[in-house]
């Protein structure tokens, strides 16, 4: 986790907003991998609130987020950022 957090510090959005999104995703994934669901979901919420390529649709389809799927907060996050036609 320390290294993922350091990656976010080194590639801050003030330096490069586009590349910083990848580091934020990495941090959320590391939180997911070590079982820190609350931190992962908070990070994903921040990531989805930003402009960029990362969307709820991608989050819904990507199997790397499977450990979070049973968490009601994760489901609420998907609903919150779902694109309505």
N, C-alpha and C. Protein backbone atom coordinates (compact mmCIF):
# COMPACT_ATOMS: atom_id res chain seq x y z
N UNK A 1 0.82 -1.18 0.00
CA UNK A 1 0.00 0.00 0.00
C UNK A 1 0.87 1.25 0.00
N UNK A 2 1.95 1.18 0.73
CA UNK A 2 2.84 2.34 0.80
C UNK A 2 3.35 2.71 -0.59
N UNK A 3 3.69 1.71 -1.37
CA UNK A 3 4.23 1.99 -2.71
C UNK A 3 3.14 2.54 -3.64
N UNK A 4 1.92 2.05 -3.52
CA UNK A 4 0.82 2.56 -4.33
C UNK A 4 0.52 4.01 -3.95
N UNK A 5 0.55 4.30 -2.65
CA UNK A 5 0.34 5.67 -2.20
C UNK A 5 1.48 6.57 -2.68
N UNK A 6 2.67 6.07 -2.66
CA UNK A 6 3.83 6.83 -3.14
C UNK A 6 3.69 7.11 -4.64
N UNK A 7 3.19 6.15 -5.39
CA UNK A 7 2.95 6.36 -6.81
C UNK A 7 1.98 7.50 -7.06
N UNK A 8 0.96 7.60 -6.22
CA UNK A 8 -0.01 8.71 -6.33
C UNK A 8 0.67 10.03 -6.01
N UNK A 9 1.56 10.02 -5.02
CA UNK A 9 2.27 11.25 -4.67
C UNK A 9 3.21 11.68 -5.79
N UNK A 10 3.88 10.73 -6.40
CA UNK A 10 4.83 11.05 -7.46
C UNK A 10 4.13 11.50 -8.75
N UNK A 11 2.94 10.98 -9.00
CA UNK A 11 2.20 11.35 -10.20
C UNK A 11 0.91 12.03 -9.79
N UNK A 12 1.06 13.15 -9.14
CA UNK A 12 -0.10 13.91 -8.66
C UNK A 12 -0.87 14.50 -9.85
N UNK A 13 -2.15 14.71 -9.65
CA UNK A 13 -2.97 15.26 -10.74
C UNK A 13 -2.53 16.67 -11.10
N UNK A 14 -1.86 17.36 -10.20
CA UNK A 14 -1.35 18.69 -10.53
C UNK A 14 -0.19 18.62 -11.52
N UNK A 15 0.48 17.47 -11.58
CA UNK A 15 1.58 17.29 -12.53
C UNK A 15 1.07 16.78 -13.88
N UNK A 16 0.19 15.78 -13.83
CA UNK A 16 -0.34 15.18 -15.06
C UNK A 16 -1.67 14.53 -14.73
N UNK A 17 -2.75 15.27 -14.98
CA UNK A 17 -4.09 14.82 -14.58
C UNK A 17 -4.46 13.48 -15.20
N UNK A 18 -4.08 13.25 -16.45
CA UNK A 18 -4.44 12.01 -17.13
C UNK A 18 -3.73 10.80 -16.52
N UNK A 19 -2.43 10.89 -16.37
CA UNK A 19 -1.67 9.76 -15.82
C UNK A 19 -1.97 9.52 -14.34
N UNK A 20 -2.33 10.58 -13.64
CA UNK A 20 -2.65 10.43 -12.22
C UNK A 20 -3.85 9.50 -12.02
N UNK A 21 -4.77 9.47 -12.99
CA UNK A 21 -5.93 8.58 -12.88
C UNK A 21 -5.50 7.12 -12.79
N UNK A 22 -4.46 6.75 -13.51
CA UNK A 22 -3.97 5.37 -13.48
C UNK A 22 -3.42 5.02 -12.09
N UNK A 23 -2.70 5.97 -11.48
CA UNK A 23 -2.16 5.72 -10.14
C UNK A 23 -3.28 5.62 -9.11
N UNK A 24 -4.33 6.42 -9.26
CA UNK A 24 -5.46 6.33 -8.35
C UNK A 24 -6.17 4.99 -8.49
N UNK A 25 -6.28 4.51 -9.72
CA UNK A 25 -6.87 3.18 -9.93
C UNK A 25 -5.99 2.11 -9.30
N UNK A 26 -4.68 2.23 -9.47
CA UNK A 26 -3.75 1.27 -8.86
C UNK A 26 -3.92 1.24 -7.34
N UNK A 27 -4.06 2.41 -6.74
CA UNK A 27 -4.23 2.48 -5.29
C UNK A 27 -5.52 1.78 -4.86
N UNK A 28 -6.60 2.03 -5.58
CA UNK A 28 -7.87 1.36 -5.26
C UNK A 28 -7.74 -0.15 -5.42
N UNK A 29 -7.02 -0.58 -6.42
CA UNK A 29 -6.84 -2.01 -6.64
C UNK A 29 -6.01 -2.64 -5.52
N UNK A 30 -4.97 -1.96 -5.08
CA UNK A 30 -4.16 -2.48 -3.98
C UNK A 30 -5.01 -2.58 -2.71
N UNK A 31 -5.81 -1.56 -2.44
CA UNK A 31 -6.71 -1.63 -1.28
C UNK A 31 -7.64 -2.84 -1.40
N UNK A 32 -8.14 -3.09 -2.61
CA UNK A 32 -9.02 -4.24 -2.83
C UNK A 32 -8.27 -5.55 -2.58
N UNK A 33 -7.07 -5.64 -3.08
CA UNK A 33 -6.28 -6.86 -2.95
C UNK A 33 -5.94 -7.20 -1.51
N UNK A 34 -5.76 -6.19 -0.67
CA UNK A 34 -5.39 -6.46 0.73
C UNK A 34 -6.61 -6.48 1.64
N UNK A 35 -7.80 -6.37 1.06
CA UNK A 35 -9.03 -6.52 1.83
C UNK A 35 -9.52 -5.26 2.52
N UNK A 36 -9.03 -4.11 2.12
CA UNK A 36 -9.47 -2.85 2.71
C UNK A 36 -10.57 -2.25 1.83
N UNK A 37 -11.75 -2.84 1.94
CA UNK A 37 -12.87 -2.47 1.07
C UNK A 37 -13.29 -1.02 1.22
N UNK A 38 -13.35 -0.53 2.44
CA UNK A 38 -13.79 0.85 2.67
C UNK A 38 -12.87 1.84 1.95
N UNK A 39 -11.57 1.63 2.08
CA UNK A 39 -10.61 2.51 1.43
C UNK A 39 -10.69 2.39 -0.09
N UNK A 40 -10.86 1.17 -0.57
CA UNK A 40 -10.97 0.94 -2.01
C UNK A 40 -12.20 1.64 -2.58
N UNK A 41 -13.32 1.51 -1.91
CA UNK A 41 -14.56 2.12 -2.40
C UNK A 41 -14.46 3.64 -2.34
N UNK A 42 -13.87 4.18 -1.29
CA UNK A 42 -13.68 5.63 -1.21
C UNK A 42 -12.79 6.12 -2.35
N UNK A 43 -11.74 5.36 -2.65
CA UNK A 43 -10.84 5.73 -3.74
C UNK A 43 -11.56 5.65 -5.08
N UNK A 44 -12.36 4.62 -5.27
CA UNK A 44 -13.12 4.48 -6.52
C UNK A 44 -14.14 5.61 -6.67
N UNK A 45 -14.74 6.01 -5.58
CA UNK A 45 -15.70 7.12 -5.62
C UNK A 45 -14.99 8.39 -6.10
N UNK A 46 -13.82 8.65 -5.55
CA UNK A 46 -13.04 9.82 -5.97
C UNK A 46 -12.66 9.72 -7.44
N UNK A 47 -12.26 8.54 -7.85
CA UNK A 47 -11.85 8.32 -9.24
C UNK A 47 -13.01 8.51 -10.21
N UNK A 48 -14.16 7.98 -9.87
CA UNK A 48 -15.33 8.11 -10.75
C UNK A 48 -15.85 9.55 -10.81
N UNK A 49 -15.61 10.32 -9.77
CA UNK A 49 -16.06 11.72 -9.74
C UNK A 49 -15.24 12.61 -10.67
N UNK A 50 -14.09 12.13 -11.08
CA UNK A 50 -13.21 12.92 -11.96
C UNK A 50 -13.55 12.67 -13.42
N UNK A 51 -13.20 13.61 -14.26
CA UNK A 51 -13.35 13.41 -15.70
C UNK A 51 -12.25 12.46 -16.17
N UNK A 52 -12.61 11.58 -17.06
CA UNK A 52 -11.60 10.66 -17.58
C UNK A 52 -12.23 9.41 -18.15
N UNK A 53 -11.41 8.45 -18.39
CA UNK A 53 -11.81 7.21 -19.05
C UNK A 53 -12.46 6.21 -18.10
N UNK A 54 -12.23 6.35 -16.81
CA UNK A 54 -12.72 5.37 -15.84
C UNK A 54 -14.19 5.62 -15.56
N UNK A 55 -15.02 4.62 -15.83
CA UNK A 55 -16.47 4.77 -15.67
C UNK A 55 -17.04 3.62 -14.84
N UNK A 56 -18.28 3.79 -14.41
CA UNK A 56 -18.97 2.73 -13.67
C UNK A 56 -19.13 1.49 -14.54
N UNK A 57 -19.31 1.70 -15.83
CA UNK A 57 -19.45 0.56 -16.75
C UNK A 57 -18.18 -0.29 -16.76
N UNK A 58 -17.03 0.35 -16.83
CA UNK A 58 -15.76 -0.36 -16.79
C UNK A 58 -15.62 -1.08 -15.45
N UNK A 59 -15.97 -0.38 -14.38
CA UNK A 59 -15.89 -0.96 -13.04
C UNK A 59 -16.78 -2.19 -12.91
N UNK A 60 -17.94 -2.13 -13.51
CA UNK A 60 -18.91 -3.24 -13.47
C UNK A 60 -18.37 -4.48 -14.21
N UNK A 61 -17.63 -4.27 -15.29
CA UNK A 61 -17.19 -5.38 -16.13
C UNK A 61 -15.83 -5.97 -15.75
N UNK A 62 -14.99 -5.19 -15.10
CA UNK A 62 -13.62 -5.60 -14.82
C UNK A 62 -13.58 -6.61 -13.67
N UNK A 63 -13.10 -7.82 -13.90
CA UNK A 63 -13.09 -8.85 -12.86
C UNK A 63 -12.14 -8.56 -11.69
N UNK A 64 -11.25 -7.59 -11.84
CA UNK A 64 -10.35 -7.27 -10.73
C UNK A 64 -11.10 -6.72 -9.52
N UNK A 65 -12.31 -6.23 -9.76
CA UNK A 65 -13.11 -5.65 -8.67
C UNK A 65 -14.08 -6.67 -8.06
N UNK A 66 -14.01 -7.93 -8.46
CA UNK A 66 -14.91 -8.96 -7.95
C UNK A 66 -14.95 -9.05 -6.42
N UNK A 67 -13.83 -8.87 -5.72
CA UNK A 67 -13.90 -8.96 -4.25
C UNK A 67 -14.82 -7.92 -3.61
N UNK A 68 -15.13 -6.85 -4.34
CA UNK A 68 -15.98 -5.79 -3.79
C UNK A 68 -17.45 -5.96 -4.16
N UNK A 69 -17.76 -6.82 -5.07
CA UNK A 69 -19.10 -6.90 -5.65
C UNK A 69 -20.21 -7.17 -4.61
N UNK A 70 -19.91 -7.91 -3.58
CA UNK A 70 -20.95 -8.23 -2.58
C UNK A 70 -21.15 -7.10 -1.56
N UNK A 71 -20.31 -6.10 -1.61
CA UNK A 71 -20.42 -4.98 -0.68
C UNK A 71 -21.51 -4.02 -1.15
N UNK A 72 -22.50 -3.73 -0.33
CA UNK A 72 -23.58 -2.82 -0.74
C UNK A 72 -23.07 -1.42 -1.09
N UNK A 73 -21.97 -1.00 -0.49
CA UNK A 73 -21.40 0.32 -0.82
C UNK A 73 -20.86 0.34 -2.24
N UNK A 74 -20.32 -0.79 -2.69
CA UNK A 74 -19.84 -0.90 -4.07
C UNK A 74 -21.01 -0.84 -5.03
N UNK A 75 -22.08 -1.55 -4.72
CA UNK A 75 -23.27 -1.53 -5.57
C UNK A 75 -23.87 -0.13 -5.63
N UNK A 76 -23.87 0.57 -4.51
CA UNK A 76 -24.37 1.95 -4.47
C UNK A 76 -23.50 2.86 -5.33
N UNK A 77 -22.21 2.61 -5.33
CA UNK A 77 -21.28 3.39 -6.15
C UNK A 77 -21.58 3.20 -7.63
N UNK A 78 -21.83 1.96 -8.03
CA UNK A 78 -22.17 1.69 -9.43
C UNK A 78 -23.45 2.40 -9.82
N UNK A 79 -24.43 2.38 -8.94
CA UNK A 79 -25.70 3.05 -9.22
C UNK A 79 -25.51 4.56 -9.28
N UNK A 80 -24.72 5.10 -8.37
CA UNK A 80 -24.49 6.55 -8.31
C UNK A 80 -23.90 7.09 -9.61
N UNK A 81 -22.97 6.34 -10.23
CA UNK A 81 -22.26 6.83 -11.41
C UNK A 81 -22.73 6.19 -12.71
N UNK A 82 -23.80 5.43 -12.64
CA UNK A 82 -24.33 4.79 -13.83
C UNK A 82 -24.85 5.86 -14.81
N UNK A 83 -24.54 5.68 -16.07
CA UNK A 83 -25.00 6.62 -17.09
C UNK A 83 -26.42 6.25 -17.47
N UNK A 84 -27.29 7.21 -17.36
CA UNK A 84 -28.71 6.98 -17.70
C UNK A 84 -28.92 7.38 -19.16
N UNK A 85 -29.66 6.54 -19.91
CA UNK A 85 -29.88 6.88 -21.32
C UNK A 85 -30.84 8.05 -21.50
